[in-house]
Amino acid sequence: MNDALNAASEAVGEKSLLIVDDDRPFSTRLARAMEGRGYAVRVAESVADGLAAIDAQAPAYAVIDMRLGDGNGLDVITRLNERRPDARGVILT
């Protein structure tokens, strides 16, 4: 139980963010805005790139588009949940 609480409190303090969206102007604006708020931002433009980013280093937070050119954003959020259950995600539709 303490391990779960420690992991949750670590995620709250960590400001890593993954944005997965194929709308480049939108993701660029969002990334800049979040960097200005102190987040370490990575951007992916496809399901495949999002999955690879999570496998490399699962973020504390994610903003993921539901409809991507190569699949469904829910696949990305599922992988995030598997790799880092304490992460928080937002799905855009």
C-alpha atoms as a PDB file:
ATOM      1  CA  MET A   1       0.000   0.000   0.000  1.00  0.00           C
ATOM      2  CA  ASN A   2       2.789   2.437   0.841  1.00  0.00           C
ATOM      3  CA  ASP A   3       4.413   1.734  -2.539  1.00  0.00           C
ATOM      4  CA  ALA A   4       1.221   2.786  -4.317  1.00  0.00           C
ATOM      5  CA  LEU A   5       0.980   5.965  -2.237  1.00  0.00           C
ATOM      6  CA  ASN A   6       4.624   6.810  -2.893  1.00  0.00           C
ATOM      7  CA  ALA A   7       4.187   6.266  -6.641  1.00  0.00           C
ATOM      8  CA  ALA A   8       1.091   8.490  -6.668  1.00  0.00           C
ATOM      9  CA  SER A   9       2.827  11.274  -4.775  1.00  0.00           C
ATOM     10  CA  GLU A  10       5.850  11.062  -7.094  1.00  0.00           C
ATOM     11  CA  ALA A  11       3.571  11.494 -10.133  1.00  0.00           C
ATOM     12  CA  VAL A  12       2.009  14.599  -8.616  1.00  0.00           C
ATOM     13  CA  GLY A  13       5.421  16.258  -8.313  1.00  0.00           C
ATOM     14  CA  GLU A  14       6.692  15.079 -11.685  1.00  0.00           C
ATOM     15  CA  LYS A  15       5.797  17.299 -14.618  1.00  0.00           C
ATOM     16  CA  SER A  16       6.392  15.052 -17.626  1.00  0.00           C
ATOM     17  CA  LEU A  17       3.758  15.313 -20.348  1.00  0.00           C
ATOM     18  CA  LEU A  18       3.185  13.400 -23.563  1.00  0.00           C
ATOM     19  CA  ILE A  19       0.993  14.954 -26.261  1.00  0.00           C
ATOM     20  CA  VAL A  20      -0.217  12.578 -28.978  1.00  0.00           C
ATOM     21  CA  ASP A  21      -2.012  14.442 -31.747  1.00  0.00           C
ATOM     22  CA  ASP A  22      -1.680  14.515 -35.542  1.00  0.00           C
ATOM     23  CA  ASP A  23      -2.725  18.184 -35.716  1.00  0.00           C
ATOM     24  CA  ARG A  24       0.757  19.696 -35.681  1.00  0.00           C
ATOM     25  CA  PRO A  25      -0.254  23.367 -35.145  1.00  0.00           C
ATOM     26  CA  PHE A  26      -2.437  22.384 -32.176  1.00  0.00           C
ATOM     27  CA  SER A  27       0.160  20.097 -30.573  1.00  0.00           C
ATOM     28  CA  THR A  28       2.893  22.713 -31.056  1.00  0.00           C
ATOM     29  CA  ARG A  29       0.799  25.438 -29.363  1.00  0.00           C
ATOM     30  CA  LEU A  30      -0.167  23.116 -26.512  1.00  0.00           C
ATOM     31  CA  ALA A  31       3.434  21.960 -26.028  1.00  0.00           C
ATOM     32  CA  ARG A  32       4.687  25.548 -25.838  1.00  0.00           C
ATOM     33  CA  ALA A  33       1.971  26.515 -23.377  1.00  0.00           C
ATOM     34  CA  MET A  34       2.712  23.550 -21.125  1.00  0.00           C
ATOM     35  CA  GLU A  35       6.466  24.084 -21.300  1.00  0.00           C
ATOM     36  CA  GLY A  36       5.795  27.613 -20.119  1.00  0.00           C
ATOM     37  CA  ARG A  37       4.103  26.086 -17.095  1.00  0.00           C
ATOM     38  CA  GLY A  38       7.132  23.963 -16.272  1.00  0.00           C
ATOM     39  CA  TYR A  39       6.255  20.671 -17.959  1.00  0.00           C
ATOM     40  CA  ALA A  40       8.814  18.526 -19.760  1.00  0.00           C
ATOM     41  CA  VAL A  41       6.863  17.893 -22.963  1.00  0.00           C
ATOM     42  CA  ARG A  42       7.262  15.243 -25.655  1.00  0.00           C
ATOM     43  CA  VAL A  43       5.065  15.225 -28.762  1.00  0.00           C
ATOM     44  CA  ALA A  44       4.044  12.228 -30.883  1.00  0.00           C
ATOM     45  CA  GLU A  45       1.946  12.396 -34.044  1.00  0.00           C
ATOM     46  CA  SER A  46       0.697   8.802 -34.290  1.00  0.00           C
ATOM     47  CA  VAL A  47      -0.371   5.817 -32.221  1.00  0.00           C
ATOM     48  CA  ALA A  48       2.912   4.065 -33.073  1.00  0.00           C
ATOM     49  CA  ASP A  49       4.987   7.075 -31.981  1.00  0.00           C
ATOM     50  CA  GLY A  50       2.920   7.488 -28.811  1.00  0.00           C
ATOM     51  CA  LEU A  51       3.378   3.841 -27.861  1.00  0.00           C
ATOM     52  CA  ALA A  52       7.122   4.097 -28.483  1.00  0.00           C
ATOM     53  CA  ALA A  53       7.345   7.249 -26.344  1.00  0.00           C
ATOM     54  CA  ILE A  54       5.531   5.522 -23.476  1.00  0.00           C
ATOM     55  CA  ASP A  55       7.736   2.446 -23.763  1.00  0.00           C
ATOM     56  CA  ALA A  56      10.847   4.642 -23.667  1.00  0.00           C
ATOM     57  CA  GLN A  57       9.691   6.684 -20.660  1.00  0.00           C
ATOM     58  CA  ALA A  58       6.106   6.667 -19.427  1.00  0.00           C
ATOM     59  CA  PRO A  59       5.024  10.238 -18.553  1.00  0.00           C
ATOM     60  CA  ALA A  60       3.100  11.403 -15.501  1.00  0.00           C
ATOM     61  CA  TYR A  61       0.534  13.115 -17.741  1.00  0.00           C
ATOM     62  CA  ALA A  62      -0.766  12.679 -21.295  1.00  0.00           C
ATOM     63  CA  VAL A  63      -3.063  14.481 -23.716  1.00  0.00           C
ATOM     64  CA  ILE A  64      -4.117  12.092 -26.463  1.00  0.00           C
ATOM     65  CA  ASP A  65      -6.298  12.576 -29.530  1.00  0.00           C
ATOM     66  CA  MET A  66      -8.898   9.835 -29.942  1.00  0.00           C
ATOM     67  CA  ARG A  67      -8.695   9.662 -33.736  1.00  0.00           C
ATOM     68  CA  LEU A  68      -5.239   9.343 -35.217  1.00  0.00           C
ATOM     69  CA  GLY A  69      -4.196   8.415 -38.742  1.00  0.00           C
ATOM     70  CA  ASP A  70      -2.870   4.999 -37.741  1.00  0.00           C
ATOM     71  CA  GLY A  71      -5.409   3.991 -35.102  1.00  0.00           C
ATOM     72  CA  ASN A  72      -7.229   4.836 -31.918  1.00  0.00           C
ATOM     73  CA  GLY A  73      -5.865   6.979 -29.099  1.00  0.00           C
ATOM     74  CA  LEU A  74      -7.417   4.574 -26.588  1.00  0.00           C
ATOM     75  CA  ASP A  75      -4.615   2.138 -27.470  1.00  0.00           C
ATOM     76  CA  VAL A  76      -2.130   4.751 -26.279  1.00  0.00           C
ATOM     77  CA  ILE A  77      -3.956   5.413 -23.011  1.00  0.00           C
ATOM     78  CA  THR A  78      -4.214   1.654 -22.410  1.00  0.00           C
ATOM     79  CA  ARG A  79      -0.439   1.287 -22.787  1.00  0.00           C
ATOM     80  CA  LEU A  80       0.128   4.272 -20.508  1.00  0.00           C
ATOM     81  CA  ASN A  81      -2.084   2.662 -17.870  1.00  0.00           C
ATOM     82  CA  GLU A  82      -0.154  -0.613 -18.174  1.00  0.00           C
ATOM     83  CA  ARG A  83       3.253   1.058 -17.902  1.00  0.00           C
ATOM     84  CA  ARG A  84       2.350   3.707 -15.355  1.00  0.00           C
ATOM     85  CA  PRO A  85      -0.944   3.200 -13.505  1.00  0.00           C
ATOM     86  CA  ASP A  86      -0.502   6.458 -11.537  1.00  0.00           C
ATOM     87  CA  ALA A  87      -0.392   8.583 -14.720  1.00  0.00           C
ATOM     88  CA  ARG A  88      -3.232  10.943 -15.613  1.00  0.00           C
ATOM     89  CA  GLY A  89      -4.544  11.259 -19.146  1.00  0.00           C
ATOM     90  CA  VAL A  90      -6.988  13.330 -21.145  1.00  0.00           C
ATOM     91  CA  ILE A  91      -8.544  12.028 -24.366  1.00  0.00           C
ATOM     92  CA  LEU A  92      -9.516  14.624 -26.994  1.00  0.00           C
ATOM     93  CA  THR A  93     -12.387  13.850 -29.352  1.00  0.00           C
END
